[in-house]
Amino acid sequence: QVQLVESGGGLVHPGGSLRLSCVASGITFSSYALAWYRQTPGSQRDMVASITKRGGTNYLDSVKGRFTISRDNAKNTVYLQMDSLEPEDTAVYYCYAVSLATNIEYWGQGTQVTVSS
């Protein structure tokens, strides 16, 4: 059974930092491209950051320079380091994994991030 389990969300003041983690099980982690998405009520789910099998990264323009995605294949974990957080970053953040060989994709259950004073 495939599982993606996120952790690290919470409440933080503007300007603060959080690190999200997503641990995967049931997949050959190193073979998957990974990403973090976020969603607010009534809005579509947007990709925040992605990382390829080889470590290439891509970011939503509004988080460039503030967020960093990374992966540790030995721990089957993908991270999202979020610095200089803004109220507009408030959302549920989802971990995503996709096999480019099979197009099979998986989602985590989401973790809430709230940026508020």
PDB file of N, CA and C in Angstrom:
ATOM      1  N   GLN A   1       0.851  -1.195   0.000  1.00  0.00           N
ATOM      2  CA  GLN A   1       0.000   0.000   0.000  1.00  0.00           C
ATOM      3  C   GLN A   1       0.882   1.240   0.000  1.00  0.00           C
ATOM      4  N   VAL A   2       0.569   2.164  -0.915  1.00  0.00           N
ATOM      5  CA  VAL A   2       1.353   3.380  -1.030  1.00  0.00           C
ATOM      6  C   VAL A   2       0.815   4.426  -0.061  1.00  0.00           C
ATOM      7  N   GLN A   3       1.729   5.064   0.634  1.00  0.00           N
ATOM      8  CA  GLN A   3       1.353   6.155   1.527  1.00  0.00           C
ATOM      9  C   GLN A   3       2.338   7.298   1.397  1.00  0.00           C
ATOM     10  N   LEU A   4       1.808   8.511   1.377  1.00  0.00           N
ATOM     11  CA  LEU A   4       2.596   9.724   1.500  1.00  0.00           C
ATOM     12  C   LEU A   4       2.081  10.437   2.743  1.00  0.00           C
ATOM     13  N   VAL A   5       2.937  10.630   3.715  1.00  0.00           N
ATOM     14  CA  VAL A   5       2.506  11.197   4.993  1.00  0.00           C
ATOM     15  C   VAL A   5       3.262  12.494   5.254  1.00  0.00           C
ATOM     16  N   GLU A   6       2.504  13.589   5.257  1.00  0.00           N
ATOM     17  CA  GLU A   6       3.107  14.899   5.496  1.00  0.00           C
ATOM     18  C   GLU A   6       3.129  15.228   6.987  1.00  0.00           C
ATOM     19  N   SER A   7       4.062  16.071   7.363  1.00  0.00           N
ATOM     20  CA  SER A   7       4.116  16.605   8.715  1.00  0.00           C
ATOM     21  C   SER A   7       4.835  17.948   8.673  1.00  0.00           C
ATOM     22  N   GLY A   8       4.739  18.684   9.785  1.00  0.00           N
ATOM     23  CA  GLY A   8       5.471  19.932   9.895  1.00  0.00           C
ATOM     24  C   GLY A   8       4.642  21.197   9.741  1.00  0.00           C
ATOM     25  N   GLY A   9       3.377  21.048   9.420  1.00  0.00           N
ATOM     26  CA  GLY A   9       2.529  22.227   9.300  1.00  0.00           C
ATOM     27  C   GLY A   9       2.226  22.821  10.667  1.00  0.00           C
ATOM     28  N   GLY A  10       1.583  23.992  10.655  1.00  0.00           N
ATOM     29  CA  GLY A  10       1.222  24.632  11.906  1.00  0.00           C
ATOM     30  C   GLY A  10       0.973  26.102  11.728  1.00  0.00           C
ATOM     31  N   LEU A  11       0.941  26.798  12.856  1.00  0.00           N
ATOM     32  CA  LEU A  11       0.712  28.239  12.881  1.00  0.00           C
ATOM     33  C   LEU A  11       2.046  28.951  13.084  1.00  0.00           C
ATOM     34  N   VAL A  12       2.300  29.954  12.257  1.00  0.00           N
ATOM     35  CA  VAL A  12       3.555  30.701  12.357  1.00  0.00           C
ATOM     36  C   VAL A  12       3.267  32.169  12.088  1.00  0.00           C
ATOM     37  N   HIS A  13       4.055  33.050  12.695  1.00  0.00           N
ATOM     38  CA  HIS A  13       3.905  34.478  12.467  1.00  0.00           C
ATOM     39  C   HIS A  13       4.498  34.868  11.112  1.00  0.00           C
ATOM     40  N   PRO A  14       4.025  35.950  10.526  1.00  0.00           N
ATOM     41  CA  PRO A  14       4.649  36.443   9.293  1.00  0.00           C
ATOM     42  C   PRO A  14       6.149  36.656   9.487  1.00  0.00           C
ATOM     43  N   GLY A  15       6.918  36.234   8.486  1.00  0.00           N
ATOM     44  CA  GLY A  15       8.370  36.302   8.572  1.00  0.00           C
ATOM     45  C   GLY A  15       9.009  35.059   9.147  1.00  0.00           C
ATOM     46  N   GLY A  16       8.210  34.170   9.684  1.00  0.00           N
ATOM     47  CA  GLY A  16       8.715  32.953  10.293  1.00  0.00           C
ATOM     48  C   GLY A  16       9.004  31.860   9.283  1.00  0.00           C
ATOM     49  N   SER A  17       9.404  30.707   9.804  1.00  0.00           N
ATOM     50  CA  SER A  17       9.798  29.576   8.958  1.00  0.00           C
ATOM     51  C   SER A  17       9.109  28.292   9.424  1.00  0.00           C
ATOM     52  N   LEU A  18       8.914  27.407   8.479  1.00  0.00           N
ATOM     53  CA  LEU A  18       8.455  26.049   8.752  1.00  0.00           C
ATOM     54  C   LEU A  18       9.156  25.113   7.786  1.00  0.00           C
ATOM     55  N   ARG A  19       9.312  23.872   8.197  1.00  0.00           N
ATOM     56  CA  ARG A  19       9.816  22.846   7.285  1.00  0.00           C
ATOM     57  C   ARG A  19       8.808  21.712   7.233  1.00  0.00           C
ATOM     58  N   LEU A  20       8.280  21.483   6.053  1.00  0.00           N
ATOM     59  CA  LEU A  20       7.375  20.366   5.829  1.00  0.00           C
ATOM     60  C   LEU A  20       8.168  19.137   5.409  1.00  0.00           C
ATOM     61  N   SER A  21       7.705  17.991   5.859  1.00  0.00           N
ATOM     62  CA  SER A  21       8.301  16.716   5.465  1.00  0.00           C
ATOM     63  C   SER A  21       7.215  15.807   4.912  1.00  0.00           C
ATOM     64  N   CYS A  22       7.603  14.960   3.992  1.00  0.00           N
ATOM     65  CA  CYS A  22       6.679  13.966   3.439  1.00  0.00           C
ATOM     66  C   CYS A  22       7.441  12.654   3.304  1.00  0.00           C
ATOM     67  N   VAL A  23       7.002  11.668   4.060  1.00  0.00           N
ATOM     68  CA  VAL A  23       7.632  10.354   4.015  1.00  0.00           C
ATOM     69  C   VAL A  23       6.785   9.426   3.161  1.00  0.00           C
ATOM     70  N   ALA A  24       7.428   8.784   2.208  1.00  0.00           N
ATOM     71  CA  ALA A  24       6.733   7.880   1.290  1.00  0.00           C
ATOM     72  C   ALA A  24       7.027   6.429   1.639  1.00  0.00           C
ATOM     73  N   SER A  25       6.035   5.589   1.445  1.00  0.00           N
ATOM     74  CA  SER A  25       6.224   4.156   1.605  1.00  0.00           C
ATOM     75  C   SER A  25       5.450   3.444   0.499  1.00  0.00           C
ATOM     76  N   GLY A  26       5.948   2.262   0.120  1.00  0.00           N
ATOM     77  CA  GLY A  26       5.253   1.471  -0.883  1.00  0.00           C
ATOM     78  C   GLY A  26       5.613   1.805  -2.316  1.00  0.00           C
ATOM     79  N   ILE A  27       6.570   2.720  -2.527  1.00  0.00           N
ATOM     80  CA  ILE A  27       7.023   3.054  -3.871  1.00  0.00           C
ATOM     81  C   ILE A  27       8.545   3.040  -3.910  1.00  0.00           C
ATOM     82  N   THR A  28       9.067   2.921  -5.129  1.00  0.00           N
ATOM     83  CA  THR A  28      10.512   3.064  -5.321  1.00  0.00           C
ATOM     84  C   THR A  28      10.795   4.555  -5.394  1.00  0.00           C
ATOM     85  N   PHE A  29      11.041   5.133  -4.254  1.00  0.00           N
ATOM     86  CA  PHE A  29      11.047   6.589  -4.077  1.00  0.00           C
ATOM     87  C   PHE A  29      11.962   7.281  -5.079  1.00  0.00           C
ATOM     88  N   SER A  30      13.146   6.742  -5.300  1.00  0.00           N
ATOM     89  CA  SER A  30      14.133   7.399  -6.156  1.00  0.00           C
ATOM     90  C   SER A  30      13.685   7.484  -7.606  1.00  0.00           C
ATOM     91  N   SER A  31      12.680   6.722  -7.988  1.00  0.00           N
ATOM     92  CA  SER A  31      12.199   6.712  -9.364  1.00  0.00           C
ATOM     93  C   SER A  31      11.100   7.736  -9.632  1.00  0.00           C
ATOM     94  N   TYR A  32      10.697   8.443  -8.600  1.00  0.00           N
ATOM     95  CA  TYR A  32       9.562   9.347  -8.699  1.00  0.00           C
ATOM     96  C   TYR A  32      10.003  10.806  -8.699  1.00  0.00           C
ATOM     97  N   ALA A  33       9.325  11.600  -9.531  1.00  0.00           N
ATOM     98  CA  ALA A  33       9.399  13.047  -9.395  1.00  0.00           C
ATOM     99  C   ALA A  33       8.440  13.438  -8.270  1.00  0.00           C
ATOM    100  N   LEU A  34       8.792  14.497  -7.577  1.00  0.00           N
ATOM    101  CA  LEU A  34       8.048  14.889  -6.374  1.00  0.00           C
ATOM    102  C   LEU A  34       7.688  16.361  -6.432  1.00  0.00           C
ATOM    103  N   ALA A  35       6.660  16.713  -5.708  1.00  0.00           N
ATOM    104  CA  ALA A  35       6.266  18.123  -5.674  1.00  0.00           C
ATOM    105  C   ALA A  35       5.461  18.410  -4.415  1.00  0.00           C
ATOM    106  N   TRP A  36       5.376  19.676  -4.112  1.00  0.00           N
ATOM    107  CA  TRP A  36       4.475  20.194  -3.093  1.00  0.00           C
ATOM    108  C   TRP A  36       3.454  21.096  -3.779  1.00  0.00           C
ATOM    109  N   TYR A  37       2.189  20.882  -3.456  1.00  0.00           N
ATOM    110  CA  TYR A  37       1.096  21.719  -3.926  1.00  0.00           C
ATOM    111  C   TYR A  37       0.452  22.379  -2.718  1.00  0.00           C
ATOM    112  N   ARG A  38      -0.322  23.413  -2.985  1.00  0.00           N
ATOM    113  CA  ARG A  38      -1.099  24.016  -1.908  1.00  0.00           C
ATOM    114  C   ARG A  38      -2.470  24.425  -2.435  1.00  0.00           C
ATOM    115  N   GLN A  39      -3.406  24.490  -1.496  1.00  0.00           N
ATOM    116  CA  GLN A  39      -4.780  24.797  -1.870  1.00  0.00           C
ATOM    117  C   GLN A  39      -5.459  25.556  -0.737  1.00  0.00           C
ATOM    118  N   THR A  40      -6.210  26.606  -1.116  1.00  0.00           N
ATOM    119  CA  THR A  40      -7.051  27.333  -0.175  1.00  0.00           C
ATOM    120  C   THR A  40      -8.503  27.063  -0.537  1.00  0.00           C
ATOM    121  N   PRO A  41      -9.414  27.263   0.407  1.00  0.00           N
ATOM    122  CA  PRO A  41     -10.833  26.969   0.139  1.00  0.00           C
ATOM    123  C   PRO A  41     -11.343  27.726  -1.077  1.00  0.00           C
ATOM    124  N   GLY A  42     -12.000  27.009  -1.972  1.00  0.00           N
ATOM    125  CA  GLY A  42     -12.583  27.627  -3.150  1.00  0.00           C
ATOM    126  C   GLY A  42     -11.616  27.861  -4.287  1.00  0.00           C
ATOM    127  N   SER A  43     -10.363  27.460  -4.113  1.00  0.00           N
ATOM    128  CA  SER A  43      -9.355  27.679  -5.145  1.00  0.00           C
ATOM    129  C   SER A  43      -8.814  26.362  -5.664  1.00  0.00           C
ATOM    130  N   GLN A  44      -8.167  26.417  -6.812  1.00  0.00           N
ATOM    131  CA  GLN A  44      -7.552  25.207  -7.349  1.00  0.00           C
ATOM    132  C   GLN A  44      -6.271  24.897  -6.581  1.00  0.00           C
ATOM    133  N   ARG A  45      -5.827  23.668  -6.752  1.00  0.00           N
ATOM    134  CA  ARG A  45      -4.586  23.252  -6.122  1.00  0.00           C
ATOM    135  C   ARG A  45      -3.426  23.677  -7.023  1.00  0.00           C
ATOM    136  N   ASP A  46      -2.508  24.448  -6.497  1.00  0.00           N
ATOM    137  CA  ASP A  46      -1.385  24.982  -7.270  1.00  0.00           C
ATOM    138  C   ASP A  46      -0.074  24.324  -6.865  1.00  0.00           C
ATOM    139  N   MET A  47       0.783  24.095  -7.866  1.00  0.00           N
ATOM    140  CA  MET A  47       2.092  23.558  -7.555  1.00  0.00           C
ATOM    141  C   MET A  47       2.978  24.650  -6.989  1.00  0.00           C
ATOM    142  N   VAL A  48       3.601  24.377  -5.869  1.00  0.00           N
ATOM    143  CA  VAL A  48       4.486  25.334  -5.204  1.00  0.00           C
ATOM    144  C   VAL A  48       5.933  25.086  -5.600  1.00  0.00           C
ATOM    145  N   ALA A  49       6.333  23.818  -5.600  1.00  0.00           N
ATOM    146  CA  ALA A  49       7.714  23.465  -5.909  1.00  0.00           C
ATOM    147  C   ALA A  49       7.748  22.023  -6.375  1.00  0.00           C
ATOM    148  N   SER A  50       8.695  21.722  -7.258  1.00  0.00           N
ATOM    149  CA  SER A  50       8.865  20.358  -7.731  1.00  0.00           C
ATOM    150  C   SER A  50      10.337  20.014  -7.790  1.00  0.00           C
ATOM    151  N   ILE A  51      10.609  18.709  -7.754  1.00  0.00           N
ATOM    152  CA  ILE A  51      11.990  18.239  -7.840  1.00  0.00           C
ATOM    153  C   ILE A  51      12.006  16.946  -8.647  1.00  0.00           C
ATOM    154  N   THR A  52      12.914  16.870  -9.600  1.00  0.00           N
ATOM    155  CA  THR A  52      13.006  15.686 -10.450  1.00  0.00           C
ATOM    156  C   THR A  52      13.787  14.584  -9.744  1.00  0.00           C
ATOM    157  N   LYS A  53      13.849  13.431 -10.428  1.00  0.00           N
ATOM    158  CA  LYS A  53      14.618  12.304  -9.873  1.00  0.00           C
ATOM    159  C   LYS A  53      16.078  12.700  -9.653  1.00  0.00           C
ATOM    160  N   ARG A  54      16.579  13.563 -10.533  1.00  0.00           N
ATOM    161  CA  ARG A  54      17.991  13.933 -10.477  1.00  0.00           C
ATOM    162  C   ARG A  54      18.248  15.194  -9.668  1.00  0.00           C
ATOM    163  N   GLY A  55      17.177  15.766  -9.095  1.00  0.00           N
ATOM    164  CA  GLY A  55      17.365  16.914  -8.214  1.00  0.00           C
ATOM    165  C   GLY A  55      17.109  18.270  -8.838  1.00  0.00           C
ATOM    166  N   GLY A  56      16.687  18.314 -10.080  1.00  0.00           N
ATOM    167  CA  GLY A  56      16.325  19.579 -10.683  1.00  0.00           C
ATOM    168  C   GLY A  56      15.067  20.132 -10.046  1.00  0.00           C
ATOM    169  N   THR A  57      15.032  21.438  -9.812  1.00  0.00           N
ATOM    170  CA  THR A  57      13.916  22.037  -9.088  1.00  0.00           C
ATOM    171  C   THR A  57      13.219  23.123  -9.899  1.00  0.00           C
ATOM    172  N   ASN A  58      11.981  23.361  -9.510  1.00  0.00           N
ATOM    173  CA  ASN A  58      11.180  24.409 -10.139  1.00  0.00           C
ATOM    174  C   ASN A  58      10.251  24.974  -9.064  1.00  0.00           C
ATOM    175  N   TYR A  59       9.986  26.298  -9.149  1.00  0.00           N
ATOM    176  CA  TYR A  59       9.207  26.951  -8.101  1.00  0.00           C
ATOM    177  C   TYR A  59       8.146  27.873  -8.673  1.00  0.00           C
ATOM    178  N   LEU A  60       7.058  27.994  -7.940  1.00  0.00           N
ATOM    179  CA  LEU A  60       6.069  29.022  -8.203  1.00  0.00           C
ATOM    180  C   LEU A  60       6.747  30.373  -8.020  1.00  0.00           C
ATOM    181  N   ASP A  61       6.468  31.322  -8.914  1.00  0.00           N
ATOM    182  CA  ASP A  61       7.176  32.605  -8.865  1.00  0.00           C
ATOM    183  C   ASP A  61       7.083  33.279  -7.492  1.00  0.00           C
ATOM    184  N   SER A  62       5.939  33.205  -6.875  1.00  0.00           N
ATOM    185  CA  SER A  62       5.728  33.934  -5.620  1.00  0.00           C
ATOM    186  C   SER A  62       6.503  33.357  -4.439  1.00  0.00           C
ATOM    187  N   VAL A  63       7.073  32.163  -4.588  1.00  0.00           N
ATOM    188  CA  VAL A  63       7.838  31.569  -3.477  1.00  0.00           C
ATOM    189  C   VAL A  63       9.325  31.483  -3.787  1.00  0.00           C
ATOM    190  N   LYS A  64       9.730  31.877  -4.981  1.00  0.00           N
ATOM    191  CA  LYS A  64      11.156  31.819  -5.340  1.00  0.00           C
ATOM    192  C   LYS A  64      11.976  32.670  -4.384  1.00  0.00           C
ATOM    193  N   GLY A  65      13.078  32.087  -3.914  1.00  0.00           N
ATOM    194  CA  GLY A  65      13.937  32.788  -2.969  1.00  0.00           C
ATOM    195  C   GLY A  65      13.511  32.630  -1.526  1.00  0.00           C
ATOM    196  N   ARG A  66      12.306  32.088  -1.304  1.00  0.00           N
ATOM    197  CA  ARG A  66      11.824  31.903   0.071  1.00  0.00           C
ATOM    198  C   ARG A  66      11.659  30.427   0.428  1.00  0.00           C
ATOM    199  N   PHE A  67      11.274  29.611  -0.538  1.00  0.00           N
ATOM    200  CA  PHE A  67      11.031  28.181  -0.314  1.00  0.00           C
ATOM    201  C   PHE A  67      12.120  27.361  -0.999  1.00  0.00           C
ATOM    202  N   THR A  68      12.447  26.233  -0.389  1.00  0.00           N
ATOM    203  CA  THR A  68      13.422  25.319  -0.966  1.00  0.00           C
ATOM    204  C   THR A  68      12.911  23.889  -0.852  1.00  0.00           C
ATOM    205  N   ILE A  69      12.831  23.208  -1.984  1.00  0.00           N
ATOM    206  CA  ILE A  69      12.449  21.802  -1.982  1.00  0.00           C
ATOM    207  C   ILE A  69      13.706  20.948  -2.061  1.00  0.00           C
ATOM    208  N   SER A  70      13.693  19.830  -1.348  1.00  0.00           N
ATOM    209  CA  SER A  70      14.825  18.904  -1.398  1.00  0.00           C
ATOM    210  C   SER A  70      14.304  17.491  -1.154  1.00  0.00           C
ATOM    211  N   ARG A  71      15.136  16.523  -1.471  1.00  0.00           N
ATOM    212  CA  ARG A  71      14.752  15.129  -1.284  1.00  0.00           C
ATOM    213  C   ARG A  71      15.917  14.349  -0.699  1.00  0.00           C
ATOM    214  N   ASP A  72      15.584  13.344   0.095  1.00  0.00           N
ATOM    215  CA  ASP A  72      16.552  12.423   0.655  1.00  0.00           C
ATOM    216  C   ASP A  72      16.079  11.021   0.292  1.00  0.00           C
ATOM    217  N   ASN A  73      16.655  10.467  -0.763  1.00  0.00           N
ATOM    218  CA  ASN A  73      16.200   9.161  -1.238  1.00  0.00           C
ATOM    219  C   ASN A  73      16.473   8.046  -0.230  1.00  0.00           C
ATOM    220  N   ALA A  74      17.488   8.209   0.586  1.00  0.00           N
ATOM    221  CA  ALA A  74      17.796   7.193   1.595  1.00  0.00           C
ATOM    222  C   ALA A  74      16.717   7.126   2.673  1.00  0.00           C
ATOM    223  N   LYS A  75      16.030   8.245   2.882  1.00  0.00           N
ATOM    224  CA  LYS A  75      14.982   8.304   3.900  1.00  0.00           C
ATOM    225  C   LYS A  75      13.576   8.326   3.293  1.00  0.00           C
ATOM    226  N   ASN A  76      13.497   8.204   1.953  1.00  0.00           N
ATOM    227  CA  ASN A  76      12.194   8.252   1.274  1.00  0.00           C
ATOM    228  C   ASN A  76      11.405   9.505   1.670  1.00  0.00           C
ATOM    229  N   THR A  77      12.102  10.614   1.734  1.00  0.00           N
ATOM    230  CA  THR A  77      11.491  11.839   2.250  1.00  0.00           C
ATOM    231  C   THR A  77      11.757  13.020   1.327  1.00  0.00           C
ATOM    232  N   VAL A  78      10.728  13.831   1.153  1.00  0.00           N
ATOM    233  CA  VAL A  78      10.864  15.102   0.458  1.00  0.00           C
ATOM    234  C   VAL A  78      10.517  16.210   1.439  1.00  0.00           C
ATOM    235  N   TYR A  79      11.254  17.309   1.345  1.00  0.00           N
ATOM    236  CA  TYR A  79      11.100  18.418   2.278  1.00  0.00           C
ATOM    237  C   TYR A  79      10.708  19.689   1.534  1.00  0.00           C
ATOM    238  N   LEU A  80      10.071  20.573   2.274  1.00  0.00           N
ATOM    239  CA  LEU A  80       9.841  21.925   1.788  1.00  0.00           C
ATOM    240  C   LEU A  80      10.211  22.882   2.916  1.00  0.00           C
ATOM    241  N   GLN A  81      11.346  23.537   2.757  1.00  0.00           N
ATOM    242  CA  GLN A  81      11.759  24.558   3.719  1.00  0.00           C
ATOM    243  C   GLN A  81      11.115  25.871   3.296  1.00  0.00           C
ATOM    244  N   MET A  82      10.353  26.448   4.203  1.00  0.00           N
ATOM    245  CA  MET A  82       9.622  27.680   3.906  1.00  0.00           C
ATOM    246  C   MET A  82      10.106  28.780   4.846  1.00  0.00           C
ATOM    247  N   ASP A  83      10.711  29.797   4.282  1.00  0.00           N
ATOM    248  CA  ASP A  83      11.222  30.937   5.046  1.00  0.00           C
ATOM    249  C   ASP A  83      10.470  32.200   4.638  1.00  0.00           C
ATOM    250  N   SER A  84      10.609  33.225   5.480  1.00  0.00           N
ATOM    251  CA  SER A  84       9.963  34.515   5.205  1.00  0.00           C
ATOM    252  C   SER A  84       8.494  34.326   4.842  1.00  0.00           C
ATOM    253  N   LEU A  85       7.825  33.558   5.639  1.00  0.00           N
ATOM    254  CA  LEU A  85       6.436  33.237   5.330  1.00  0.00           C
ATOM    255  C   LEU A  85       5.539  34.465   5.394  1.00  0.00           C
ATOM    256  N   GLU A  86       4.552  34.462   4.511  1.00  0.00           N
ATOM    257  CA  GLU A  86       3.607  35.570   4.388  1.00  0.00           C
ATOM    258  C   GLU A  86       2.188  35.039   4.607  1.00  0.00           C
ATOM    259  N   PRO A  87       1.271  35.903   5.033  1.00  0.00           N
ATOM    260  CA  PRO A  87      -0.118  35.437   5.205  1.00  0.00           C
ATOM    261  C   PRO A  87      -0.682  34.776   3.951  1.00  0.00           C
ATOM    262  N   GLU A  88      -0.221  35.211   2.779  1.00  0.00           N
ATOM    263  CA  GLU A  88      -0.704  34.631   1.521  1.00  0.00           C
ATOM    264  C   GLU A  88      -0.241  33.192   1.323  1.00  0.00           C
ATOM    265  N   ASP A  89       0.697  32.732   2.131  1.00  0.00           N
ATOM    266  CA  ASP A  89       1.151  31.339   2.057  1.00  0.00           C
ATOM    267  C   ASP A  89       0.230  30.397   2.820  1.00  0.00           C
ATOM    268  N   THR A  90      -0.731  30.934   3.537  1.00  0.00           N
ATOM    269  CA  THR A  90      -1.669  30.110   4.280  1.00  0.00           C
ATOM    270  C   THR A  90      -2.453  29.205   3.333  1.00  0.00           C
ATOM    271  N   ALA A  91      -2.410  27.906   3.602  1.00  0.00           N
ATOM    272  CA  ALA A  91      -3.066  26.928   2.733  1.00  0.00           C
ATOM    273  C   ALA A  91      -2.881  25.538   3.325  1.00  0.00           C
ATOM    274  N   VAL A  92      -3.557  24.575   2.730  1.00  0.00           N
ATOM    275  CA  VAL A  92      -3.237  23.177   2.988  1.00  0.00           C
ATOM    276  C   VAL A  92      -2.188  22.767   1.958  1.00  0.00           C
ATOM    277  N   TYR A  93      -1.109  22.196   2.440  1.00  0.00           N
ATOM    278  CA  TYR A  93       0.000  21.790   1.579  1.00  0.00           C
ATOM    279  C   TYR A  93      -0.031  20.277   1.395  1.00  0.00           C
ATOM    280  N   TYR A  94       0.097  19.874   0.136  1.00  0.00           N
ATOM    281  CA  TYR A  94       0.014  18.462  -0.225  1.00  0.00           C
ATOM    282  C   TYR A  94       1.308  17.986  -0.870  1.00  0.00           C
ATOM    283  N   CYS A  95       1.708  16.816  -0.504  1.00  0.00           N
ATOM    284  CA  CYS A  95       2.839  16.135  -1.118  1.00  0.00           C
ATOM    285  C   CYS A  95       2.333  15.334  -2.322  1.00  0.00           C
ATOM    286  N   TYR A  96       3.120  15.306  -3.380  1.00  0.00           N
ATOM    287  CA  TYR A  96       2.725  14.647  -4.629  1.00  0.00           C
ATOM    288  C   TYR A  96       3.906  13.887  -5.195  1.00  0.00           C
ATOM    289  N   ALA A  97       3.632  12.667  -5.675  1.00  0.00           N
ATOM    290  CA  ALA A  97       4.677  11.858  -6.309  1.00  0.00           C
ATOM    291  C   ALA A  97       4.137  11.289  -7.612  1.00  0.00           C
ATOM    292  N   VAL A  98       4.960  11.294  -8.649  1.00  0.00           N
ATOM    293  CA  VAL A  98       4.536  10.768  -9.940  1.00  0.00           C
ATOM    294  C   VAL A  98       5.683   9.989 -10.572  1.00  0.00           C
ATOM    295  N   SER A  99       5.323   8.841 -11.124  1.00  0.00           N
ATOM    296  CA  SER A  99       6.276   8.050 -11.892  1.00  0.00           C
ATOM    297  C   SER A  99       6.166   8.470 -13.350  1.00  0.00           C
ATOM    298  N   LEU A 100       7.248   9.002 -13.899  1.00  0.00           N
ATOM    299  CA  LEU A 100       7.214   9.437 -15.283  1.00  0.00           C
ATOM    300  C   LEU A 100       7.189   8.241 -16.244  1.00  0.00           C
ATOM    301  N   ALA A 101       7.547   7.060 -15.746  1.00  0.00           N
ATOM    302  CA  ALA A 101       7.529   5.856 -16.582  1.00  0.00           C
ATOM    303  C   ALA A 101       6.112   5.328 -16.769  1.00  0.00           C
ATOM    304  N   THR A 102       5.289   5.473 -15.722  1.00  0.00           N
ATOM    305  CA  THR A 102       3.940   4.887 -15.764  1.00  0.00           C
ATOM    306  C   THR A 102       2.824   5.915 -15.644  1.00  0.00           C
ATOM    307  N   ASN A 103       3.175   7.160 -15.326  1.00  0.00           N
ATOM    308  CA  ASN A 103       2.196   8.227 -15.057  1.00  0.00           C
ATOM    309  C   ASN A 103       1.321   7.957 -13.841  1.00  0.00           C
ATOM    310  N   ILE A 104       1.694   6.996 -13.026  1.00  0.00           N
ATOM    311  CA  ILE A 104       0.960   6.754 -11.788  1.00  0.00           C
ATOM    312  C   ILE A 104       1.343   7.831 -10.789  1.00  0.00           C
ATOM    313  N   GLU A 105       0.329   8.417 -10.140  1.00  0.00           N
ATOM    314  CA  GLU A 105       0.582   9.505  -9.215  1.00  0.00           C
ATOM    315  C   GLU A 105      -0.092   9.248  -7.874  1.00  0.00           C
ATOM    316  N   TYR A 106       0.489   9.842  -6.859  1.00  0.00           N
ATOM    317  CA  TYR A 106      -0.013   9.680  -5.494  1.00  0.00           C
ATOM    318  C   TYR A 106      -0.019  11.034  -4.792  1.00  0.00           C
ATOM    319  N   TRP A 107      -0.958  11.170  -3.857  1.00  0.00           N
ATOM    320  CA  TRP A 107      -1.094  12.385  -3.052  1.00  0.00           C
ATOM    321  C   TRP A 107      -1.067  12.043  -1.575  1.00  0.00           C
ATOM    322  N   GLY A 108      -0.503  12.966  -0.812  1.00  0.00           N
ATOM    323  CA  GLY A 108      -0.621  12.863   0.631  1.00  0.00           C
ATOM    324  C   GLY A 108      -1.952  13.422   1.086  1.00  0.00           C
ATOM    325  N   GLN A 109      -2.165  13.386   2.394  1.00  0.00           N
ATOM    326  CA  GLN A 109      -3.454  13.802   2.959  1.00  0.00           C
ATOM    327  C   GLN A 109      -3.511  15.308   3.212  1.00  0.00           C
ATOM    328  N   GLY A 110      -2.375  15.960   3.172  1.00  0.00           N
ATOM    329  CA  GLY A 110      -2.331  17.407   3.363  1.00  0.00           C
ATOM    330  C   GLY A 110      -1.985  17.800   4.790  1.00  0.00           C
ATOM    331  N   THR A 111      -1.332  18.946   4.902  1.00  0.00           N
ATOM    332  CA  THR A 111      -1.009  19.508   6.210  1.00  0.00           C
ATOM    333  C   THR A 111      -1.285  21.008   6.161  1.00  0.00           C
ATOM    334  N   GLN A 112      -1.923  21.513   7.208  1.00  0.00           N
ATOM    335  CA  GLN A 112      -2.332  22.917   7.226  1.00  0.00           C
ATOM    336  C   GLN A 112      -1.167  23.811   7.636  1.00  0.00           C
ATOM    337  N   VAL A 113      -0.962  24.861   6.856  1.00  0.00           N
ATOM    338  CA  VAL A 113      -0.001  25.918   7.202  1.00  0.00           C
ATOM    339  C   VAL A 113      -0.787  27.217   7.328  1.00  0.00           C
ATOM    340  N   THR A 114      -0.675  27.856   8.484  1.00  0.00           N
ATOM    341  CA  THR A 114      -1.351  29.118   8.731  1.00  0.00           C
ATOM    342  C   THR A 114      -0.329  30.164   9.129  1.00  0.00           C
ATOM    343  N   VAL A 115      -0.300  31.261   8.368  1.00  0.00           N
ATOM    344  CA  VAL A 115       0.621  32.360   8.650  1.00  0.00           C
ATOM    345  C   VAL A 115      -0.214  33.547   9.108  1.00  0.00           C
ATOM    346  N   SER A 116      -0.086  33.881  10.381  1.00  0.00           N
ATOM    347  CA  SER A 116      -0.931  34.928  10.945  1.00  0.00           C
ATOM    348  C   SER A 116      -0.269  35.533  12.172  1.00  0.00           C
ATOM    349  N   SER A 117      -0.520  36.816  12.366  1.00  0.00           N
ATOM    350  CA  SER A 117      -0.018  37.471  13.577  1.00  0.00           C
ATOM    351  C   SER A 117      -1.051  37.397  14.687  1.00  0.00           C
TER     352      SER A 117
END
